[in-house]
ModelCIF file with pLDDT and N, C-alpha, C, O atoms, coordinates in Angstrom:
data_MODEL
#
_entry.id   MODEL 
#
_entity.id                         1 
_entity.type                       polymer 
_entity.pdbx_number_of_molecules   1 
#
_entity_poly.entity_id                      1 
_entity_poly.type                           'polypeptide(L)' 
_entity_poly.nstd_linkage                   no 
_entity_poly.nstd_monomer                   no 
_entity_poly.pdbx_seq_one_letter_code       EQPRARLVAQVFAVLAALFAPVEAAFAAFLGVRAAANPCEPDGSGVC 
_entity_poly.pdbx_seq_one_letter_code_can   EQPRARLVAQVFAVLAALFAPVEAAFAAFLGVRAAANPCEPDGSGVC 
_entity_poly.pdbx_strand_id                 A 
#
loop_
_entity_poly_seq.entity_id 
_entity_poly_seq.num 
_entity_poly_seq.mon_id 
_entity_poly_seq.hetero 
1 1  GLU n 
1 2  GLN n 
1 3  PRO n 
1 4  ARG n 
1 5  ALA n 
1 6  ARG n 
1 7  LEU n 
1 8  VAL n 
1 9  ALA n 
1 10 GLN n 
1 11 VAL n 
1 12 PHE n 
1 13 ALA n 
1 14 VAL n 
1 15 LEU n 
1 16 ALA n 
1 17 ALA n 
1 18 LEU n 
1 19 PHE n 
1 20 ALA n 
1 21 PRO n 
1 22 VAL n 
1 23 GLU n 
1 24 ALA n 
1 25 ALA n 
1 26 PHE n 
1 27 ALA n 
1 28 ALA n 
1 29 PHE n 
1 30 LEU n 
1 31 GLY n 
1 32 VAL n 
1 33 ARG n 
1 34 ALA n 
1 35 ALA n 
1 36 ALA n 
1 37 ASN n 
1 38 PRO n 
1 39 CYS n 
1 40 GLU n 
1 41 PRO n 
1 42 ASP n 
1 43 GLY n 
1 44 SER n 
1 45 GLY n 
1 46 VAL n 
1 47 CYS n 
#
_struct_asym.id          A 
_struct_asym.entity_id   1 
#
loop_
_ma_qa_metric.id 
_ma_qa_metric.mode 
_ma_qa_metric.name 
_ma_qa_metric.software_group_id 
_ma_qa_metric.type 
1 global pLDDT . pLDDT 
2 local  pLDDT . pLDDT 
#
_ma_qa_metric_global.metric_id      1 
_ma_qa_metric_global.metric_value   83.91 
_ma_qa_metric_global.model_id       1 
_ma_qa_metric_global.ordinal_id     1 
#
loop_
_ma_qa_metric_local.label_asym_id 
_ma_qa_metric_local.label_comp_id 
_ma_qa_metric_local.label_seq_id 
_ma_qa_metric_local.metric_id 
_ma_qa_metric_local.metric_value 
_ma_qa_metric_local.model_id 
_ma_qa_metric_local.ordinal_id 
A GLU 1  2 63.00 1 1  
A GLN 2  2 74.00 1 2  
A PRO 3  2 76.00 1 3  
A ARG 4  2 85.00 1 4  
A ALA 5  2 84.00 1 5  
A ARG 6  2 84.00 1 6  
A LEU 7  2 86.00 1 7  
A VAL 8  2 86.00 1 8  
A ALA 9  2 85.00 1 9  
A GLN 10 2 87.00 1 10 
A VAL 11 2 89.00 1 11 
A PHE 12 2 87.00 1 12 
A ALA 13 2 88.00 1 13 
A VAL 14 2 90.00 1 14 
A LEU 15 2 89.00 1 15 
A ALA 16 2 88.00 1 16 
A ALA 17 2 89.00 1 17 
A LEU 18 2 90.00 1 18 
A PHE 19 2 90.00 1 19 
A ALA 20 2 89.00 1 20 
A PRO 21 2 90.00 1 21 
A VAL 22 2 90.00 1 22 
A GLU 23 2 89.00 1 23 
A ALA 24 2 88.00 1 24 
A ALA 25 2 90.00 1 25 
A PHE 26 2 89.00 1 26 
A ALA 27 2 87.00 1 27 
A ALA 28 2 87.00 1 28 
A PHE 29 2 88.00 1 29 
A LEU 30 2 85.00 1 30 
A GLY 31 2 85.00 1 31 
A VAL 32 2 85.00 1 32 
A ARG 33 2 85.00 1 33 
A ALA 34 2 83.00 1 34 
A ALA 35 2 82.00 1 35 
A ALA 36 2 83.00 1 36 
A ASN 37 2 81.00 1 37 
A PRO 38 2 82.00 1 38 
A CYS 39 2 77.00 1 39 
A GLU 40 2 79.00 1 40 
A PRO 41 2 77.00 1 41 
A ASP 42 2 78.00 1 42 
A GLY 43 2 75.00 1 43 
A SER 44 2 76.00 1 44 
A GLY 45 2 75.00 1 45 
A VAL 46 2 79.00 1 46 
A CYS 47 2 80.00 1 47 
#
loop_
_atom_site.group_PDB 
_atom_site.id 
_atom_site.type_symbol 
_atom_site.label_atom_id 
_atom_site.label_alt_id 
_atom_site.label_comp_id 
_atom_site.label_asym_id 
_atom_site.label_entity_id 
_atom_site.label_seq_id 
_atom_site.pdbx_PDB_ins_code 
_atom_site.Cartn_x 
_atom_site.Cartn_y 
_atom_site.Cartn_z 
_atom_site.occupancy 
_atom_site.B_iso_or_equiv 
_atom_site.pdbx_formal_charge 
_atom_site.auth_seq_id 
_atom_site.auth_comp_id 
_atom_site.auth_asym_id 
_atom_site.auth_atom_id 
_atom_site.pdbx_PDB_model_num 
ATOM 1   N N  . GLU A 1 1  ? 0.629   -1.633 0.096   1.00 63.00 ? 1  GLU A N  1 
ATOM 2   C CA . GLU A 1 1  ? 0.073   0.389  -0.461  1.00 63.00 ? 1  GLU A CA 1 
ATOM 3   C C  . GLU A 1 1  ? 0.803   1.314  0.050   1.00 63.00 ? 1  GLU A C  1 
ATOM 4   O O  . GLU A 1 1  ? 1.664   1.388  0.926   1.00 63.00 ? 1  GLU A O  1 
ATOM 5   N N  . GLN A 1 2  ? 0.229   2.085  -0.755  1.00 74.00 ? 2  GLN A N  1 
ATOM 6   C CA . GLN A 1 2  ? 1.310   2.774  -1.045  1.00 74.00 ? 2  GLN A CA 1 
ATOM 7   C C  . GLN A 1 2  ? 0.732   4.387  -0.090  1.00 74.00 ? 2  GLN A C  1 
ATOM 8   O O  . GLN A 1 2  ? -0.494  4.487  -0.121  1.00 74.00 ? 2  GLN A O  1 
ATOM 9   N N  . PRO A 1 3  ? 1.298   5.306  0.523   1.00 76.00 ? 3  PRO A N  1 
ATOM 10  C CA . PRO A 1 3  ? 1.014   6.566  1.270   1.00 76.00 ? 3  PRO A CA 1 
ATOM 11  C C  . PRO A 1 3  ? -0.214  7.189  0.829   1.00 76.00 ? 3  PRO A C  1 
ATOM 12  O O  . PRO A 1 3  ? -1.250  7.014  1.472   1.00 76.00 ? 3  PRO A O  1 
ATOM 13  N N  . ARG A 1 4  ? -0.179  8.075  -0.465  1.00 85.00 ? 4  ARG A N  1 
ATOM 14  C CA . ARG A 1 4  ? -1.295  8.933  -0.522  1.00 85.00 ? 4  ARG A CA 1 
ATOM 15  C C  . ARG A 1 4  ? -2.482  7.949  -1.165  1.00 85.00 ? 4  ARG A C  1 
ATOM 16  O O  . ARG A 1 4  ? -3.379  8.429  -1.858  1.00 85.00 ? 4  ARG A O  1 
ATOM 17  N N  . ALA A 1 5  ? -2.387  6.414  -0.842  1.00 84.00 ? 5  ALA A N  1 
ATOM 18  C CA . ALA A 1 5  ? -3.266  6.080  -2.127  1.00 84.00 ? 5  ALA A CA 1 
ATOM 19  C C  . ALA A 1 5  ? -4.513  5.872  -0.860  1.00 84.00 ? 5  ALA A C  1 
ATOM 20  O O  . ALA A 1 5  ? -5.626  5.657  -1.340  1.00 84.00 ? 5  ALA A O  1 
ATOM 21  N N  . ARG A 1 6  ? -4.470  5.902  0.318   1.00 84.00 ? 6  ARG A N  1 
ATOM 22  C CA . ARG A 1 6  ? -5.524  6.545  1.016   1.00 84.00 ? 6  ARG A CA 1 
ATOM 23  C C  . ARG A 1 6  ? -5.970  7.661  0.597   1.00 84.00 ? 6  ARG A C  1 
ATOM 24  O O  . ARG A 1 6  ? -6.878  7.582  -0.231  1.00 84.00 ? 6  ARG A O  1 
ATOM 25  N N  . LEU A 1 7  ? -5.532  8.957  0.982   1.00 86.00 ? 7  LEU A N  1 
ATOM 26  C CA . LEU A 1 7  ? -5.856  10.020 0.496   1.00 86.00 ? 7  LEU A CA 1 
ATOM 27  C C  . LEU A 1 7  ? -6.542  9.895  -0.882  1.00 86.00 ? 7  LEU A C  1 
ATOM 28  O O  . LEU A 1 7  ? -7.760  9.719  -0.848  1.00 86.00 ? 7  LEU A O  1 
ATOM 29  N N  . VAL A 1 8  ? -6.025  9.950  -1.924  1.00 86.00 ? 8  VAL A N  1 
ATOM 30  C CA . VAL A 1 8  ? -7.190  9.360  -2.692  1.00 86.00 ? 8  VAL A CA 1 
ATOM 31  C C  . VAL A 1 8  ? -8.300  9.086  -3.106  1.00 86.00 ? 8  VAL A C  1 
ATOM 32  O O  . VAL A 1 8  ? -9.220  9.453  -3.836  1.00 86.00 ? 8  VAL A O  1 
ATOM 33  N N  . ALA A 1 9  ? -7.841  8.090  -2.211  1.00 85.00 ? 9  ALA A N  1 
ATOM 34  C CA . ALA A 1 9  ? -9.183  7.445  -2.312  1.00 85.00 ? 9  ALA A CA 1 
ATOM 35  C C  . ALA A 1 9  ? -10.316 8.039  -0.992  1.00 85.00 ? 9  ALA A C  1 
ATOM 36  O O  . ALA A 1 9  ? -11.517 7.779  -0.938  1.00 85.00 ? 9  ALA A O  1 
ATOM 37  N N  . GLN A 1 10 ? -9.853  8.538  -0.411  1.00 87.00 ? 10 GLN A N  1 
ATOM 38  C CA . GLN A 1 10 ? -10.908 9.386  0.505   1.00 87.00 ? 10 GLN A CA 1 
ATOM 39  C C  . GLN A 1 10 ? -11.289 11.025 -0.074  1.00 87.00 ? 10 GLN A C  1 
ATOM 40  O O  . GLN A 1 10 ? -12.270 11.625 0.366   1.00 87.00 ? 10 GLN A O  1 
ATOM 41  N N  . VAL A 1 11 ? -10.698 11.408 -0.737  1.00 89.00 ? 11 VAL A N  1 
ATOM 42  C CA . VAL A 1 11 ? -10.872 12.763 -1.749  1.00 89.00 ? 11 VAL A CA 1 
ATOM 43  C C  . VAL A 1 11 ? -11.432 12.393 -2.980  1.00 89.00 ? 11 VAL A C  1 
ATOM 44  O O  . VAL A 1 11 ? -12.141 13.338 -3.327  1.00 89.00 ? 11 VAL A O  1 
ATOM 45  N N  . PHE A 1 12 ? -11.469 11.590 -3.729  1.00 87.00 ? 12 PHE A N  1 
ATOM 46  C CA . PHE A 1 12 ? -12.812 10.421 -4.810  1.00 87.00 ? 12 PHE A CA 1 
ATOM 47  C C  . PHE A 1 12 ? -14.123 10.286 -3.773  1.00 87.00 ? 12 PHE A C  1 
ATOM 48  O O  . PHE A 1 12 ? -15.307 10.482 -4.048  1.00 87.00 ? 12 PHE A O  1 
ATOM 49  N N  . ALA A 1 13 ? -13.789 10.062 -3.051  1.00 88.00 ? 13 ALA A N  1 
ATOM 50  C CA . ALA A 1 13 ? -14.834 9.298  -1.772  1.00 88.00 ? 13 ALA A CA 1 
ATOM 51  C C  . ALA A 1 13 ? -15.471 10.184 -1.576  1.00 88.00 ? 13 ALA A C  1 
ATOM 52  O O  . ALA A 1 13 ? -16.609 10.160 -2.045  1.00 88.00 ? 13 ALA A O  1 
ATOM 53  N N  . VAL A 1 14 ? -15.103 11.173 -0.925  1.00 90.00 ? 14 VAL A N  1 
ATOM 54  C CA . VAL A 1 14 ? -15.616 12.600 -0.913  1.00 90.00 ? 14 VAL A CA 1 
ATOM 55  C C  . VAL A 1 14 ? -16.284 13.356 -1.517  1.00 90.00 ? 14 VAL A C  1 
ATOM 56  O O  . VAL A 1 14 ? -17.106 14.154 -1.067  1.00 90.00 ? 14 VAL A O  1 
ATOM 57  N N  . LEU A 1 15 ? -15.776 13.032 -3.343  1.00 89.00 ? 15 LEU A N  1 
ATOM 58  C CA . LEU A 1 15 ? -16.349 13.909 -4.749  1.00 89.00 ? 15 LEU A CA 1 
ATOM 59  C C  . LEU A 1 15 ? -17.273 13.142 -4.857  1.00 89.00 ? 15 LEU A C  1 
ATOM 60  O O  . LEU A 1 15 ? -18.264 13.603 -5.425  1.00 89.00 ? 15 LEU A O  1 
ATOM 61  N N  . ALA A 1 16 ? -17.321 12.089 -4.505  1.00 88.00 ? 16 ALA A N  1 
ATOM 62  C CA . ALA A 1 16 ? -18.734 11.373 -4.995  1.00 88.00 ? 16 ALA A CA 1 
ATOM 63  C C  . ALA A 1 16 ? -19.825 11.449 -4.542  1.00 88.00 ? 16 ALA A C  1 
ATOM 64  O O  . ALA A 1 16 ? -20.799 11.382 -5.291  1.00 88.00 ? 16 ALA A O  1 
ATOM 65  N N  . ALA A 1 17 ? -19.957 11.605 -3.224  1.00 89.00 ? 17 ALA A N  1 
ATOM 66  C CA . ALA A 1 17 ? -20.781 11.840 -1.862  1.00 89.00 ? 17 ALA A CA 1 
ATOM 67  C C  . ALA A 1 17 ? -21.330 12.967 -2.057  1.00 89.00 ? 17 ALA A C  1 
ATOM 68  O O  . ALA A 1 17 ? -22.492 13.141 -1.691  1.00 89.00 ? 17 ALA A O  1 
ATOM 69  N N  . LEU A 1 18 ? -20.478 14.147 -2.788  1.00 90.00 ? 18 LEU A N  1 
ATOM 70  C CA . LEU A 1 18 ? -21.277 15.358 -2.787  1.00 90.00 ? 18 LEU A CA 1 
ATOM 71  C C  . LEU A 1 18 ? -21.942 15.515 -3.444  1.00 90.00 ? 18 LEU A C  1 
ATOM 72  O O  . LEU A 1 18 ? -22.941 16.203 -3.237  1.00 90.00 ? 18 LEU A O  1 
ATOM 73  N N  . PHE A 1 19 ? -21.437 14.440 -5.467  1.00 90.00 ? 19 PHE A N  1 
ATOM 74  C CA . PHE A 1 19 ? -22.079 14.747 -5.909  1.00 90.00 ? 19 PHE A CA 1 
ATOM 75  C C  . PHE A 1 19 ? -23.183 14.226 -6.874  1.00 90.00 ? 19 PHE A C  1 
ATOM 76  O O  . PHE A 1 19 ? -23.756 14.564 -7.910  1.00 90.00 ? 19 PHE A O  1 
ATOM 77  N N  . ALA A 1 20 ? -23.164 13.207 -5.953  1.00 89.00 ? 20 ALA A N  1 
ATOM 78  C CA . ALA A 1 20 ? -24.270 11.988 -6.031  1.00 89.00 ? 20 ALA A CA 1 
ATOM 79  C C  . ALA A 1 20 ? -25.441 12.591 -5.664  1.00 89.00 ? 20 ALA A C  1 
ATOM 80  O O  . ALA A 1 20 ? -26.154 12.194 -6.586  1.00 89.00 ? 20 ALA A O  1 
ATOM 81  N N  . PRO A 1 21 ? -26.519 13.614 -4.624  1.00 90.00 ? 21 PRO A N  1 
ATOM 82  C CA . PRO A 1 21 ? -27.301 13.911 -4.646  1.00 90.00 ? 21 PRO A CA 1 
ATOM 83  C C  . PRO A 1 21 ? -27.927 15.093 -5.470  1.00 90.00 ? 21 PRO A C  1 
ATOM 84  O O  . PRO A 1 21 ? -28.983 15.703 -5.300  1.00 90.00 ? 21 PRO A O  1 
ATOM 85  N N  . VAL A 1 22 ? -27.115 15.198 -6.250  1.00 90.00 ? 22 VAL A N  1 
ATOM 86  C CA . VAL A 1 22 ? -27.482 16.503 -7.435  1.00 90.00 ? 22 VAL A CA 1 
ATOM 87  C C  . VAL A 1 22 ? -27.474 15.442 -8.375  1.00 90.00 ? 22 VAL A C  1 
ATOM 88  O O  . VAL A 1 22 ? -28.469 15.423 -9.100  1.00 90.00 ? 22 VAL A O  1 
ATOM 89  N N  . GLU A 1 23 ? -26.422 14.330 -8.615  1.00 89.00 ? 23 GLU A N  1 
ATOM 90  C CA . GLU A 1 23 ? -26.603 13.743 -9.434  1.00 89.00 ? 23 GLU A CA 1 
ATOM 91  C C  . GLU A 1 23 ? -28.061 12.769 -9.383  1.00 89.00 ? 23 GLU A C  1 
ATOM 92  O O  . GLU A 1 23 ? -28.615 12.603 -10.469 1.00 89.00 ? 23 GLU A O  1 
ATOM 93  N N  . ALA A 1 24 ? -28.635 12.183 -8.263  1.00 88.00 ? 24 ALA A N  1 
ATOM 94  C CA . ALA A 1 24 ? -29.854 11.194 -8.260  1.00 88.00 ? 24 ALA A CA 1 
ATOM 95  C C  . ALA A 1 24 ? -30.915 12.458 -8.316  1.00 88.00 ? 24 ALA A C  1 
ATOM 96  O O  . ALA A 1 24 ? -31.863 12.071 -8.999  1.00 88.00 ? 24 ALA A O  1 
ATOM 97  N N  . ALA A 1 25 ? -31.129 13.762 -7.891  1.00 90.00 ? 25 ALA A N  1 
ATOM 98  C CA . ALA A 1 25 ? -31.819 14.955 -7.883  1.00 90.00 ? 25 ALA A CA 1 
ATOM 99  C C  . ALA A 1 25 ? -32.408 14.768 -9.809  1.00 90.00 ? 25 ALA A C  1 
ATOM 100 O O  . ALA A 1 25 ? -33.512 14.518 -10.291 1.00 90.00 ? 25 ALA A O  1 
ATOM 101 N N  . PHE A 1 26 ? -30.801 15.086 -10.556 1.00 89.00 ? 26 PHE A N  1 
ATOM 102 C CA . PHE A 1 26 ? -31.590 14.848 -11.856 1.00 89.00 ? 26 PHE A CA 1 
ATOM 103 C C  . PHE A 1 26 ? -32.273 13.641 -12.635 1.00 89.00 ? 26 PHE A C  1 
ATOM 104 O O  . PHE A 1 26 ? -33.247 13.571 -13.385 1.00 89.00 ? 26 PHE A O  1 
ATOM 105 N N  . ALA A 1 27 ? -31.272 12.636 -12.100 1.00 87.00 ? 27 ALA A N  1 
ATOM 106 C CA . ALA A 1 27 ? -31.953 11.592 -12.819 1.00 87.00 ? 27 ALA A CA 1 
ATOM 107 C C  . ALA A 1 27 ? -33.344 11.317 -12.625 1.00 87.00 ? 27 ALA A C  1 
ATOM 108 O O  . ALA A 1 27 ? -34.208 11.234 -13.498 1.00 87.00 ? 27 ALA A O  1 
ATOM 109 N N  . ALA A 1 28 ? -33.507 11.142 -10.978 1.00 87.00 ? 28 ALA A N  1 
ATOM 110 C CA . ALA A 1 28 ? -34.656 11.279 -11.016 1.00 87.00 ? 28 ALA A CA 1 
ATOM 111 C C  . ALA A 1 28 ? -36.269 12.688 -11.258 1.00 87.00 ? 28 ALA A C  1 
ATOM 112 O O  . ALA A 1 28 ? -37.455 12.760 -10.936 1.00 87.00 ? 28 ALA A O  1 
ATOM 113 N N  . PHE A 1 29 ? -35.239 13.530 -12.005 1.00 88.00 ? 29 PHE A N  1 
ATOM 114 C CA . PHE A 1 29 ? -36.292 15.081 -12.335 1.00 88.00 ? 29 PHE A CA 1 
ATOM 115 C C  . PHE A 1 29 ? -36.768 14.082 -13.588 1.00 88.00 ? 29 PHE A C  1 
ATOM 116 O O  . PHE A 1 29 ? -37.855 13.508 -13.524 1.00 88.00 ? 29 PHE A O  1 
ATOM 117 N N  . LEU A 1 30 ? -35.532 13.850 -15.171 1.00 85.00 ? 30 LEU A N  1 
ATOM 118 C CA . LEU A 1 30 ? -35.457 13.450 -15.869 1.00 85.00 ? 30 LEU A CA 1 
ATOM 119 C C  . LEU A 1 30 ? -36.571 12.093 -16.117 1.00 85.00 ? 30 LEU A C  1 
ATOM 120 O O  . LEU A 1 30 ? -37.408 12.003 -17.014 1.00 85.00 ? 30 LEU A O  1 
ATOM 121 N N  . GLY A 1 31 ? -36.343 11.317 -15.262 1.00 85.00 ? 31 GLY A N  1 
ATOM 122 C CA . GLY A 1 31 ? -37.335 9.520  -15.371 1.00 85.00 ? 31 GLY A CA 1 
ATOM 123 C C  . GLY A 1 31 ? -38.081 10.100 -14.702 1.00 85.00 ? 31 GLY A C  1 
ATOM 124 O O  . GLY A 1 31 ? -39.059 9.850  -15.406 1.00 85.00 ? 31 GLY A O  1 
ATOM 125 N N  . VAL A 1 32 ? -38.692 10.988 -13.506 1.00 85.00 ? 32 VAL A N  1 
ATOM 126 C CA . VAL A 1 32 ? -39.866 10.903 -13.542 1.00 85.00 ? 32 VAL A CA 1 
ATOM 127 C C  . VAL A 1 32 ? -40.795 11.549 -14.665 1.00 85.00 ? 32 VAL A C  1 
ATOM 128 O O  . VAL A 1 32 ? -41.902 11.246 -15.111 1.00 85.00 ? 32 VAL A O  1 
ATOM 129 N N  . ARG A 1 33 ? -40.042 12.388 -14.889 1.00 85.00 ? 33 ARG A N  1 
ATOM 130 C CA . ARG A 1 33 ? -41.106 12.787 -16.138 1.00 85.00 ? 33 ARG A CA 1 
ATOM 131 C C  . ARG A 1 33 ? -41.268 12.478 -17.126 1.00 85.00 ? 33 ARG A C  1 
ATOM 132 O O  . ARG A 1 33 ? -42.428 12.674 -17.489 1.00 85.00 ? 33 ARG A O  1 
ATOM 133 N N  . ALA A 1 34 ? -40.522 11.964 -17.977 1.00 83.00 ? 34 ALA A N  1 
ATOM 134 C CA . ALA A 1 34 ? -40.554 10.874 -18.745 1.00 83.00 ? 34 ALA A CA 1 
ATOM 135 C C  . ALA A 1 34 ? -41.311 9.575  -18.593 1.00 83.00 ? 34 ALA A C  1 
ATOM 136 O O  . ALA A 1 34 ? -41.705 8.854  -19.509 1.00 83.00 ? 34 ALA A O  1 
ATOM 137 N N  . ALA A 1 35 ? -41.446 9.397  -17.340 1.00 82.00 ? 35 ALA A N  1 
ATOM 138 C CA . ALA A 1 35 ? -42.049 8.024  -16.857 1.00 82.00 ? 35 ALA A CA 1 
ATOM 139 C C  . ALA A 1 35 ? -43.694 8.639  -16.469 1.00 82.00 ? 35 ALA A C  1 
ATOM 140 O O  . ALA A 1 35 ? -44.598 7.818  -16.317 1.00 82.00 ? 35 ALA A O  1 
ATOM 141 N N  . ALA A 1 36 ? -43.945 10.000 -16.342 1.00 83.00 ? 36 ALA A N  1 
ATOM 142 C CA . ALA A 1 36 ? -45.676 10.327 -16.259 1.00 83.00 ? 36 ALA A CA 1 
ATOM 143 C C  . ALA A 1 36 ? -45.997 10.481 -17.907 1.00 83.00 ? 36 ALA A C  1 
ATOM 144 O O  . ALA A 1 36 ? -47.069 10.914 -18.329 1.00 83.00 ? 36 ALA A O  1 
ATOM 145 N N  . ASN A 1 37 ? -45.107 10.137 -18.586 1.00 81.00 ? 37 ASN A N  1 
ATOM 146 C CA . ASN A 1 37 ? -45.722 10.251 -20.014 1.00 81.00 ? 37 ASN A CA 1 
ATOM 147 C C  . ASN A 1 37 ? -46.391 9.153  -21.080 1.00 81.00 ? 37 ASN A C  1 
ATOM 148 O O  . ASN A 1 37 ? -45.753 8.949  -22.113 1.00 81.00 ? 37 ASN A O  1 
ATOM 149 N N  . PRO A 1 38 ? -47.314 8.627  -20.932 1.00 82.00 ? 38 PRO A N  1 
ATOM 150 C CA . PRO A 1 38 ? -47.395 7.684  -21.818 1.00 82.00 ? 38 PRO A CA 1 
ATOM 151 C C  . PRO A 1 38 ? -46.663 7.168  -22.983 1.00 82.00 ? 38 PRO A C  1 
ATOM 152 O O  . PRO A 1 38 ? -46.218 7.913  -23.856 1.00 82.00 ? 38 PRO A O  1 
ATOM 153 N N  . CYS A 1 39 ? -46.565 6.166  -22.991 1.00 77.00 ? 39 CYS A N  1 
ATOM 154 C CA . CYS A 1 39 ? -45.401 5.130  -23.675 1.00 77.00 ? 39 CYS A CA 1 
ATOM 155 C C  . CYS A 1 39 ? -45.173 5.166  -25.329 1.00 77.00 ? 39 CYS A C  1 
ATOM 156 O O  . CYS A 1 39 ? -44.182 5.074  -26.055 1.00 77.00 ? 39 CYS A O  1 
ATOM 157 N N  . GLU A 1 40 ? -46.783 5.370  -25.575 1.00 79.00 ? 40 GLU A N  1 
ATOM 158 C CA . GLU A 1 40 ? -47.756 5.279  -26.626 1.00 79.00 ? 40 GLU A CA 1 
ATOM 159 C C  . GLU A 1 40 ? -47.810 6.673  -26.964 1.00 79.00 ? 40 GLU A C  1 
ATOM 160 O O  . GLU A 1 40 ? -48.172 7.440  -26.072 1.00 79.00 ? 40 GLU A O  1 
ATOM 161 N N  . PRO A 1 41 ? -47.384 7.350  -28.595 1.00 77.00 ? 41 PRO A N  1 
ATOM 162 C CA . PRO A 1 41 ? -48.072 8.601  -28.535 1.00 77.00 ? 41 PRO A CA 1 
ATOM 163 C C  . PRO A 1 41 ? -49.507 9.025  -28.230 1.00 77.00 ? 41 PRO A C  1 
ATOM 164 O O  . PRO A 1 41 ? -50.001 10.030 -27.718 1.00 77.00 ? 41 PRO A O  1 
ATOM 165 N N  . ASP A 1 42 ? -50.115 7.604  -28.859 1.00 78.00 ? 42 ASP A N  1 
ATOM 166 C CA . ASP A 1 42 ? -51.526 7.948  -28.567 1.00 78.00 ? 42 ASP A CA 1 
ATOM 167 C C  . ASP A 1 42 ? -52.286 7.548  -27.656 1.00 78.00 ? 42 ASP A C  1 
ATOM 168 O O  . ASP A 1 42 ? -53.511 7.443  -27.598 1.00 78.00 ? 42 ASP A O  1 
ATOM 169 N N  . GLY A 1 43 ? -51.005 7.205  -26.535 1.00 75.00 ? 43 GLY A N  1 
ATOM 170 C CA . GLY A 1 43 ? -51.633 5.971  -25.350 1.00 75.00 ? 43 GLY A CA 1 
ATOM 171 C C  . GLY A 1 43 ? -51.897 7.177  -24.459 1.00 75.00 ? 43 GLY A C  1 
ATOM 172 O O  . GLY A 1 43 ? -51.733 8.386  -24.624 1.00 75.00 ? 43 GLY A O  1 
ATOM 173 N N  . SER A 1 44 ? -52.708 5.883  -22.719 1.00 76.00 ? 44 SER A N  1 
ATOM 174 C CA . SER A 1 44 ? -53.006 6.627  -22.392 1.00 76.00 ? 44 SER A CA 1 
ATOM 175 C C  . SER A 1 44 ? -52.272 6.282  -20.606 1.00 76.00 ? 44 SER A C  1 
ATOM 176 O O  . SER A 1 44 ? -52.198 5.116  -20.219 1.00 76.00 ? 44 SER A O  1 
ATOM 177 N N  . GLY A 1 45 ? -52.035 6.864  -20.158 1.00 75.00 ? 45 GLY A N  1 
ATOM 178 C CA . GLY A 1 45 ? -51.554 6.296  -18.518 1.00 75.00 ? 45 GLY A CA 1 
ATOM 179 C C  . GLY A 1 45 ? -49.963 6.587  -18.708 1.00 75.00 ? 45 GLY A C  1 
ATOM 180 O O  . GLY A 1 45 ? -49.604 7.430  -19.529 1.00 75.00 ? 45 GLY A O  1 
ATOM 181 N N  . VAL A 1 46 ? -49.060 5.894  -17.955 1.00 79.00 ? 46 VAL A N  1 
ATOM 182 C CA . VAL A 1 46 ? -47.819 6.256  -17.686 1.00 79.00 ? 46 VAL A CA 1 
ATOM 183 C C  . VAL A 1 46 ? -46.800 5.050  -18.423 1.00 79.00 ? 46 VAL A C  1 
ATOM 184 O O  . VAL A 1 46 ? -47.199 3.984  -18.892 1.00 79.00 ? 46 VAL A O  1 
ATOM 185 N N  . CYS A 1 47 ? -45.653 5.444  -18.388 1.00 80.00 ? 47 CYS A N  1 
ATOM 186 C CA . CYS A 1 47 ? -44.432 4.493  -18.799 1.00 80.00 ? 47 CYS A CA 1 
ATOM 187 C C  . CYS A 1 47 ? -44.073 3.699  -17.783 1.00 80.00 ? 47 CYS A C  1 
ATOM 188 O O  . CYS A 1 47 ? -43.147 2.900  -17.922 1.00 80.00 ? 47 CYS A O  1 
#
C-alpha cells in the first residue's frame, strides 16, 4: 500500500458523496418526467 493512496481514495469518496445527491435528483427528475407520460404517442397512463 502506498501512503498517498488512502488520501486519494478519500478525496474521490468525498467527491462522489457530494455529487451523488445532485446527480440522483437530476436522474429522478428526468425519469419521473419521462415515466409520467404515456409510452405510445396516442396512449394513456404512464410509461
